[in-house]
PDB file of N, CA and C in Angstrom:
ATOM      1  N   MET A   1     -52.343   3.314   8.639  1.00  0.00           N
ATOM      2  CA  MET A   1     -52.806   2.419   7.620  1.00  0.00           C
ATOM      3  C   MET A   1     -51.625   1.837   6.864  1.00  0.00           C
ATOM      4  N   ALA A   2     -51.829   0.672   6.398  1.00  0.00           N
ATOM      5  CA  ALA A   2     -50.769   0.008   5.640  1.00  0.00           C
ATOM      6  C   ALA A   2     -50.683   0.626   4.255  1.00  0.00           C
ATOM      7  N   SER A   3     -49.476   0.705   3.776  1.00  0.00           N
ATOM      8  CA  SER A   3     -49.317   1.280   2.443  1.00  0.00           C
ATOM      9  C   SER A   3     -49.720   0.260   1.390  1.00  0.00           C
ATOM     10  N   ALA A   4     -50.380   0.720   0.399  1.00  0.00           N
ATOM     11  CA  ALA A   4     -50.846  -0.177  -0.667  1.00  0.00           C
ATOM     12  C   ALA A   4     -49.759  -0.268  -1.722  1.00  0.00           C
ATOM     13  N   GLU A   5     -49.061  -1.378  -1.676  1.00  0.00           N
ATOM     14  CA  GLU A   5     -48.017  -1.600  -2.678  1.00  0.00           C
ATOM     15  C   GLU A   5     -48.534  -2.584  -3.711  1.00  0.00           C
ATOM     16  N   LYS A   6     -48.204  -2.308  -4.921  1.00  0.00           N
ATOM     17  CA  LYS A   6     -48.623  -3.206  -6.001  1.00  0.00           C
ATOM     18  C   LYS A   6     -47.634  -4.367  -6.052  1.00  0.00           C
ATOM     19  N   ALA A   7     -48.171  -5.601  -6.077  1.00  0.00           N
ATOM     20  CA  ALA A   7     -47.327  -6.790  -6.152  1.00  0.00           C
ATOM     21  C   ALA A   7     -46.665  -6.843  -7.527  1.00  0.00           C
ATOM     22  N   PRO A   8     -45.392  -7.234  -7.550  1.00  0.00           N
ATOM     23  CA  PRO A   8     -44.714  -7.317  -8.847  1.00  0.00           C
ATOM     24  C   PRO A   8     -45.359  -8.396  -9.716  1.00  0.00           C
ATOM     25  N   GLU A   9     -45.402  -8.138 -10.986  1.00  0.00           N
ATOM     26  CA  GLU A   9     -45.975  -9.119 -11.912  1.00  0.00           C
ATOM     27  C   GLU A   9     -44.921 -10.166 -12.246  1.00  0.00           C
ATOM     28  N   HIS A  10     -45.330 -11.398 -12.179  1.00  0.00           N
ATOM     29  CA  HIS A  10     -44.429 -12.508 -12.505  1.00  0.00           C
ATOM     30  C   HIS A  10     -44.903 -13.162 -13.780  1.00  0.00           C
ATOM     31  N   SER A  11     -43.981 -13.414 -14.668  1.00  0.00           N
ATOM     32  CA  SER A  11     -44.381 -14.118 -15.878  1.00  0.00           C
ATOM     33  C   SER A  11     -44.304 -15.617 -15.605  1.00  0.00           C
ATOM     34  N   THR A  12     -45.198 -16.342 -16.195  1.00  0.00           N
ATOM     35  CA  THR A  12     -45.196 -17.802 -16.050  1.00  0.00           C
ATOM     36  C   THR A  12     -44.951 -18.421 -17.412  1.00  0.00           C
ATOM     37  N   ALA A  13     -44.549 -19.672 -17.372  1.00  0.00           N
ATOM     38  CA  ALA A  13     -44.245 -20.369 -18.625  1.00  0.00           C
ATOM     39  C   ALA A  13     -45.493 -20.488 -19.499  1.00  0.00           C
ATOM     40  N   SER A  14     -46.650 -20.571 -18.881  1.00  0.00           N
ATOM     41  CA  SER A  14     -47.867 -20.754 -19.675  1.00  0.00           C
ATOM     42  C   SER A  14     -48.244 -19.493 -20.445  1.00  0.00           C
ATOM     43  N   THR A  15     -47.803 -18.329 -19.975  1.00  0.00           N
ATOM     44  CA  THR A  15     -48.153 -17.100 -20.672  1.00  0.00           C
ATOM     45  C   THR A  15     -47.094 -16.680 -21.675  1.00  0.00           C
ATOM     46  N   GLU A  16     -45.922 -17.287 -21.584  1.00  0.00           N
ATOM     47  CA  GLU A  16     -44.859 -16.957 -22.523  1.00  0.00           C
ATOM     48  C   GLU A  16     -45.073 -17.711 -23.821  1.00  0.00           C
ATOM     49  N   GLN A  17     -44.772 -17.066 -24.915  1.00  0.00           N
ATOM     50  CA  GLN A  17     -44.943 -17.712 -26.209  1.00  0.00           C
ATOM     51  C   GLN A  17     -43.676 -18.469 -26.577  1.00  0.00           C
ATOM     52  N   ALA A  18     -43.872 -19.576 -27.254  1.00  0.00           N
ATOM     53  CA  ALA A  18     -42.737 -20.359 -27.746  1.00  0.00           C
ATOM     54  C   ALA A  18     -42.052 -19.570 -28.858  1.00  0.00           C
ATOM     55  N   PRO A  19     -40.777 -19.815 -29.042  1.00  0.00           N
ATOM     56  CA  PRO A  19     -40.082 -19.113 -30.125  1.00  0.00           C
ATOM     57  C   PRO A  19     -40.718 -19.454 -31.479  1.00  0.00           C
ATOM     58  N   LYS A  20     -40.766 -18.490 -32.328  1.00  0.00           N
ATOM     59  CA  LYS A  20     -41.361 -18.689 -33.655  1.00  0.00           C
ATOM     60  C   LYS A  20     -40.434 -19.553 -34.514  1.00  0.00           C
ATOM     61  N   VAL A  21     -41.047 -20.465 -35.249  1.00  0.00           N
ATOM     62  CA  VAL A  21     -40.289 -21.286 -36.194  1.00  0.00           C
ATOM     63  C   VAL A  21     -40.905 -21.107 -37.572  1.00  0.00           C
ATOM     64  N   SER A  22     -40.095 -21.300 -38.566  1.00  0.00           N
ATOM     65  CA  SER A  22     -40.592 -21.145 -39.930  1.00  0.00           C
ATOM     66  C   SER A  22     -41.518 -22.307 -40.284  1.00  0.00           C
ATOM     67  N   LYS A  23     -42.310 -22.098 -41.288  1.00  0.00           N
ATOM     68  CA  LYS A  23     -43.226 -23.142 -41.748  1.00  0.00           C
ATOM     69  C   LYS A  23     -42.444 -24.376 -42.182  1.00  0.00           C
ATOM     70  N   GLU A  24     -41.311 -24.162 -42.851  1.00  0.00           N
ATOM     71  CA  GLU A  24     -40.490 -25.285 -43.312  1.00  0.00           C
ATOM     72  C   GLU A  24     -39.947 -26.083 -42.123  1.00  0.00           C
ATOM     73  N   GLU A  25     -39.482 -25.363 -41.095  1.00  0.00           N
ATOM     74  CA  GLU A  25     -38.966 -26.042 -39.900  1.00  0.00           C
ATOM     75  C   GLU A  25     -40.078 -26.801 -39.187  1.00  0.00           C
ATOM     76  N   TYR A  26     -41.245 -26.182 -39.118  1.00  0.00           N
ATOM     77  CA  TYR A  26     -42.398 -26.820 -38.488  1.00  0.00           C
ATOM     78  C   TYR A  26     -42.761 -28.114 -39.218  1.00  0.00           C
ATOM     79  N   LEU A  27     -42.833 -28.047 -40.556  1.00  0.00           N
ATOM     80  CA  LEU A  27     -43.167 -29.236 -41.346  1.00  0.00           C
ATOM     81  C   LEU A  27     -42.084 -30.301 -41.221  1.00  0.00           C
ATOM     82  N   LYS A  28     -40.831 -29.865 -41.142  1.00  0.00           N
ATOM     83  CA  LYS A  28     -39.724 -30.813 -40.969  1.00  0.00           C
ATOM     84  C   LYS A  28     -39.848 -31.549 -39.636  1.00  0.00           C
ATOM     85  N   ARG A  29     -40.219 -30.818 -38.593  1.00  0.00           N
ATOM     86  CA  ARG A  29     -40.398 -31.443 -37.275  1.00  0.00           C
ATOM     87  C   ARG A  29     -41.572 -32.410 -37.273  1.00  0.00           C
ATOM     88  N   ILE A  30     -42.647 -32.014 -37.943  1.00  0.00           N
ATOM     89  CA  ILE A  30     -43.822 -32.903 -38.046  1.00  0.00           C
ATOM     90  C   ILE A  30     -43.434 -34.189 -38.774  1.00  0.00           C
ATOM     91  N   LYS A  31     -42.717 -34.048 -39.888  1.00  0.00           N
ATOM     92  CA  LYS A  31     -42.303 -35.208 -40.675  1.00  0.00           C
ATOM     93  C   LYS A  31     -41.402 -36.124 -39.844  1.00  0.00           C
ATOM     94  N   ALA A  32     -40.462 -35.536 -39.089  1.00  0.00           N
ATOM     95  CA  ALA A  32     -39.570 -36.341 -38.251  1.00  0.00           C
ATOM     96  C   ALA A  32     -40.364 -37.062 -37.167  1.00  0.00           C
ATOM     97  N   GLY A  33     -41.332 -36.369 -36.570  1.00  0.00           N
ATOM     98  CA  GLY A  33     -42.168 -36.998 -35.547  1.00  0.00           C
ATOM     99  C   GLY A  33     -42.999 -38.128 -36.118  1.00  0.00           C
ATOM    100  N   THR A  34     -43.521 -37.925 -37.324  1.00  0.00           N
ATOM    101  CA  THR A  34     -44.308 -38.962 -37.982  1.00  0.00           C
ATOM    102  C   THR A  34     -43.434 -40.170 -38.300  1.00  0.00           C
ATOM    103  N   LYS A  35     -42.213 -39.903 -38.752  1.00  0.00           N
ATOM    104  CA  LYS A  35     -41.286 -40.997 -39.058  1.00  0.00           C
ATOM    105  C   LYS A  35     -40.981 -41.796 -37.795  1.00  0.00           C
ATOM    106  N   ASN A  36     -40.754 -41.103 -36.684  1.00  0.00           N
ATOM    107  CA  ASN A  36     -40.481 -41.782 -35.418  1.00  0.00           C
ATOM    108  C   ASN A  36     -41.684 -42.590 -34.957  1.00  0.00           C
ATOM    109  N   ALA A  37     -42.877 -42.037 -35.122  1.00  0.00           N
ATOM    110  CA  ALA A  37     -44.093 -42.749 -34.736  1.00  0.00           C
ATOM    111  C   ALA A  37     -44.299 -43.982 -35.605  1.00  0.00           C
ATOM    112  N   ASP A  38     -44.034 -43.868 -36.896  1.00  0.00           N
ATOM    113  CA  ASP A  38     -44.161 -45.013 -37.796  1.00  0.00           C
ATOM    114  C   ASP A  38     -43.189 -46.124 -37.397  1.00  0.00           C
ATOM    115  N   GLU A  39     -41.965 -45.744 -37.080  1.00  0.00           N
ATOM    116  CA  GLU A  39     -40.963 -46.736 -36.675  1.00  0.00           C
ATOM    117  C   GLU A  39     -41.379 -47.406 -35.368  1.00  0.00           C
ATOM    118  N   ALA A  40     -41.888 -46.636 -34.428  1.00  0.00           N
ATOM    119  CA  ALA A  40     -42.354 -47.199 -33.156  1.00  0.00           C
ATOM    120  C   ALA A  40     -43.519 -48.162 -33.397  1.00  0.00           C
ATOM    121  N   ALA A  41     -44.412 -47.813 -34.307  1.00  0.00           N
ATOM    122  CA  ALA A  41     -45.542 -48.690 -34.627  1.00  0.00           C
ATOM    123  C   ALA A  41     -45.060 -49.988 -35.263  1.00  0.00           C
ATOM    124  N   ARG A  42     -44.051 -49.890 -36.133  1.00  0.00           N
ATOM    125  CA  ARG A  42     -43.491 -51.111 -36.743  1.00  0.00           C
ATOM    126  C   ARG A  42     -42.853 -52.007 -35.680  1.00  0.00           C
ATOM    127  N   ARG A  43     -42.115 -51.398 -34.749  1.00  0.00           N
ATOM    128  CA  ARG A  43     -41.489 -52.190 -33.684  1.00  0.00           C
ATOM    129  C   ARG A  43     -42.541 -52.848 -32.793  1.00  0.00           C
ATOM    130  N   ALA A  44     -43.623 -52.117 -32.506  1.00  0.00           N
ATOM    131  CA  ALA A  44     -44.697 -52.671 -31.686  1.00  0.00           C
ATOM    132  C   ALA A  44     -45.382 -53.831 -32.403  1.00  0.00           C
ATOM    133  N   ALA A  45     -45.623 -53.678 -33.697  1.00  0.00           N
ATOM    134  CA  ALA A  45     -46.251 -54.755 -34.475  1.00  0.00           C
ATOM    135  C   ALA A  45     -45.355 -55.989 -34.502  1.00  0.00           C
ATOM    136  N   LYS A  46     -44.051 -55.786 -34.618  1.00  0.00           N
ATOM    137  CA  LYS A  46     -43.101 -56.906 -34.602  1.00  0.00           C
ATOM    138  C   LYS A  46     -43.129 -57.601 -33.245  1.00  0.00           C
ATOM    139  N   ALA A  47     -43.190 -56.812 -32.174  1.00  0.00           N
ATOM    140  CA  ALA A  47     -43.241 -57.397 -30.826  1.00  0.00           C
ATOM    141  C   ALA A  47     -44.508 -58.215 -30.629  1.00  0.00           C
ATOM    142  N   VAL A  48     -45.631 -57.722 -31.144  1.00  0.00           N
ATOM    143  CA  VAL A  48     -46.890 -58.470 -31.051  1.00  0.00           C
ATOM    144  C   VAL A  48     -46.787 -59.758 -31.849  1.00  0.00           C
ATOM    145  N   SER A  49     -46.209 -59.681 -33.031  1.00  0.00           N
ATOM    146  CA  SER A  49     -46.042 -60.864 -33.867  1.00  0.00           C
ATOM    147  C   SER A  49     -45.155 -61.896 -33.171  1.00  0.00           C
ATOM    148  N   ASP A  50     -44.057 -61.428 -32.581  1.00  0.00           N
ATOM    149  CA  ASP A  50     -43.158 -62.330 -31.857  1.00  0.00           C
ATOM    150  C   ASP A  50     -43.861 -62.966 -30.658  1.00  0.00           C
ATOM    151  N   ALA A  51     -44.676 -62.177 -29.966  1.00  0.00           N
ATOM    152  CA  ALA A  51     -45.402 -62.709 -28.808  1.00  0.00           C
ATOM    153  C   ALA A  51     -46.412 -63.770 -29.243  1.00  0.00           C
ATOM    154  N   ARG A  52     -47.089 -63.520 -30.362  1.00  0.00           N
ATOM    155  CA  ARG A  52     -48.050 -64.516 -30.858  1.00  0.00           C
ATOM    156  C   ARG A  52     -47.335 -65.806 -31.250  1.00  0.00           C
ATOM    157  N   ALA A  53     -46.172 -65.695 -31.863  1.00  0.00           N
ATOM    158  CA  ALA A  53     -45.401 -66.880 -32.233  1.00  0.00           C
ATOM    159  C   ALA A  53     -44.964 -67.639 -30.982  1.00  0.00           C
ATOM    160  N   ALA A  54     -44.568 -66.904 -29.946  1.00  0.00           N
ATOM    161  CA  ALA A  54     -44.159 -67.549 -28.695  1.00  0.00           C
ATOM    162  C   ALA A  54     -45.335 -68.288 -28.052  1.00  0.00           C
ATOM    163  N   VAL A  55     -46.512 -67.681 -28.090  1.00  0.00           N
ATOM    164  CA  VAL A  55     -47.703 -68.340 -27.541  1.00  0.00           C
ATOM    165  C   VAL A  55     -48.017 -69.600 -28.340  1.00  0.00           C
ATOM    166  N   ALA A  56     -47.890 -69.526 -29.640  1.00  0.00           N
ATOM    167  CA  ALA A  56     -48.137 -70.711 -30.475  1.00  0.00           C
ATOM    168  C   ALA A  56     -47.148 -71.822 -30.126  1.00  0.00           C
ATOM    169  N   ASP A  57     -45.885 -71.452 -29.929  1.00  0.00           N
ATOM    170  CA  ASP A  57     -44.876 -72.444 -29.538  1.00  0.00           C
ATOM    171  C   ASP A  57     -45.212 -73.060 -28.182  1.00  0.00           C
ATOM    172  N   LEU A  58     -45.667 -72.232 -27.244  1.00  0.00           N
ATOM    173  CA  LEU A  58     -46.054 -72.748 -25.927  1.00  0.00           C
ATOM    174  C   LEU A  58     -47.243 -73.695 -26.029  1.00  0.00           C
ATOM    175  N   ASN A  59     -48.191 -73.365 -26.899  1.00  0.00           N
ATOM    176  CA  ASN A  59     -49.347 -74.244 -27.086  1.00  0.00           C
ATOM    177  C   ASN A  59     -48.917 -75.598 -27.638  1.00  0.00           C
ATOM    178  N   VAL A  60     -47.972 -75.592 -28.576  1.00  0.00           N
ATOM    179  CA  VAL A  60     -47.459 -76.846 -29.133  1.00  0.00           C
ATOM    180  C   VAL A  60     -46.750 -77.645 -28.038  1.00  0.00           C
ATOM    181  N   ALA A  61     -45.939 -76.964 -27.248  1.00  0.00           N
ATOM    182  CA  ALA A  61     -45.224 -77.645 -26.161  1.00  0.00           C
ATOM    183  C   ALA A  61     -46.204 -78.203 -25.137  1.00  0.00           C
ATOM    184  N   TYR A  62     -47.227 -77.445 -24.802  1.00  0.00           N
ATOM    185  CA  TYR A  62     -48.223 -77.909 -23.846  1.00  0.00           C
ATOM    186  C   TYR A  62     -48.948 -79.145 -24.376  1.00  0.00           C
ATOM    187  N   ALA A  63     -49.296 -79.123 -25.663  1.00  0.00           N
ATOM    188  CA  ALA A  63     -49.970 -80.279 -26.265  1.00  0.00           C
ATOM    189  C   ALA A  63     -49.057 -81.497 -26.228  1.00  0.00           C
ATOM    190  N   ALA A  64     -47.761 -81.294 -26.447  1.00  0.00           N
ATOM    191  CA  ALA A  64     -46.814 -82.410 -26.397  1.00  0.00           C
ATOM    192  C   ALA A  64     -46.731 -82.981 -24.985  1.00  0.00           C
ATOM    193  N   VAL A  65     -46.733 -82.116 -23.997  1.00  0.00           N
ATOM    194  CA  VAL A  65     -46.688 -82.585 -22.598  1.00  0.00           C
ATOM    195  C   VAL A  65     -47.970 -83.345 -22.263  1.00  0.00           C
ATOM    196  N   GLU A  66     -49.104 -82.821 -22.705  1.00  0.00           N
ATOM    197  CA  GLU A  66     -50.368 -83.533 -22.479  1.00  0.00           C
ATOM    198  C   GLU A  66     -50.343 -84.905 -23.134  1.00  0.00           C
ATOM    199  N   ASP A  67     -49.848 -84.976 -24.370  1.00  0.00           N
ATOM    200  CA  ASP A  67     -49.756 -86.258 -25.071  1.00  0.00           C
ATOM    201  C   ASP A  67     -48.840 -87.217 -24.326  1.00  0.00           C
ATOM    202  N   ALA A  68     -47.708 -86.719 -23.849  1.00  0.00           N
ATOM    203  CA  ALA A  68     -46.771 -87.565 -23.115  1.00  0.00           C
ATOM    204  C   ALA A  68     -47.411 -88.074 -21.822  1.00  0.00           C
ATOM    205  N   ALA A  69     -48.148 -87.227 -21.140  1.00  0.00           N
ATOM    206  CA  ALA A  69     -48.818 -87.642 -19.910  1.00  0.00           C
ATOM    207  C   ALA A  69     -49.876 -88.696 -20.209  1.00  0.00           C
ATOM    208  N   GLU A  70     -50.584 -88.519 -21.305  1.00  0.00           N
ATOM    209  CA  GLU A  70     -51.596 -89.491 -21.695  1.00  0.00           C
ATOM    210  C   GLU A  70     -50.951 -90.838 -22.020  1.00  0.00           C
ATOM    211  N   VAL A  71     -49.821 -90.815 -22.701  1.00  0.00           N
ATOM    212  CA  VAL A  71     -49.093 -92.045 -23.012  1.00  0.00           C
ATOM    213  C   VAL A  71     -48.666 -92.736 -21.723  1.00  0.00           C
ATOM    214  N   GLU A  72     -48.194 -91.965 -20.762  1.00  0.00           N
ATOM    215  CA  GLU A  72     -47.793 -92.537 -19.468  1.00  0.00           C
ATOM    216  C   GLU A  72     -48.967 -93.217 -18.781  1.00  0.00           C
ATOM    217  N   ILE A  73     -50.116 -92.557 -18.809  1.00  0.00           N
ATOM    218  CA  ILE A  73     -51.308 -93.123 -18.159  1.00  0.00           C
ATOM    219  C   ILE A  73     -51.698 -94.426 -18.840  1.00  0.00           C
ATOM    220  N   TYR A  74     -51.728 -94.435 -20.167  1.00  0.00           N
ATOM    221  CA  TYR A  74     -52.098 -95.654 -20.888  1.00  0.00           C
ATOM    222  C   TYR A  74     -51.064 -96.751 -20.686  1.00  0.00           C
ATOM    223  N   SER A  75     -49.786 -96.363 -20.628  1.00  0.00           N
ATOM    224  CA  SER A  75     -48.738 -97.366 -20.392  1.00  0.00           C
ATOM    225  C   SER A  75     -48.896 -98.007 -19.021  1.00  0.00           C
ATOM    226  N   ALA A  76     -49.188 -97.194 -18.021  1.00  0.00           N
ATOM    227  CA  ALA A  76     -49.381 -97.711 -16.665  1.00  0.00           C
ATOM    228  C   ALA A  76     -50.600 -98.634 -16.618  1.00  0.00           C
ATOM    229  N   ARG A  77     -51.667 -98.244 -17.298  1.00  0.00           N
ATOM    230  CA  ARG A  77     -52.860 -99.104 -17.321  1.00  0.00           C
ATOM    231  C   ARG A  77     -52.568-100.433 -18.021  1.00  0.00           C
ATOM    232  N   LEU A  78     -51.804-100.357 -19.109  1.00  0.00           N
ATOM    233  CA  LEU A  78     -51.463-101.556 -19.851  1.00  0.00           C
ATOM    234  C   LEU A  78     -50.610-102.490 -18.991  1.00  0.00           C
ATOM    235  N   GLU A  79     -49.647-101.921 -18.262  1.00  0.00           N
ATOM    236  CA  GLU A  79     -48.794-102.736 -17.392  1.00  0.00           C
ATOM    237  C   GLU A  79     -49.619-103.394 -16.287  1.00  0.00           C
ATOM    238  N   ASN A  80     -50.631-102.688 -15.787  1.00  0.00           N
ATOM    239  CA  ASN A  80     -51.467-103.242 -14.721  1.00  0.00           C
ATOM    240  C   ASN A  80     -52.382-104.345 -15.226  1.00  0.00           C
ATOM    241  N   THR A  81     -52.708-104.325 -16.497  1.00  0.00           N
ATOM    242  CA  THR A  81     -53.589-105.356 -17.034  1.00  0.00           C
ATOM    243  C   THR A  81     -52.823-106.601 -17.451  1.00  0.00           C
ATOM    244  N   LEU A  82     -51.513-106.462 -17.592  1.00  0.00           N
ATOM    245  CA  LEU A  82     -50.740-107.622 -18.028  1.00  0.00           C
ATOM    246  C   LEU A  82     -50.351-108.512 -16.901  1.00  0.00           C
TER     247      LEU A  82
END
């Protein structure tokens, strides 16, 4: 018969506890994370604002091109009638 050997126990990262930190250190880390998140949110809001301004500029440019094309069409019609 085969001998019954007990398999060695292996610890995994999920069963190991994280090192203990003081309440002050924990709150300091939370505050730093919140500050970083706030800054990221401000940068994202600025990027959205910049994108909206760029779209508005494109709309103005598109309207100008449409107007120029319309002027060309009317000019061509006017030349044909003369």
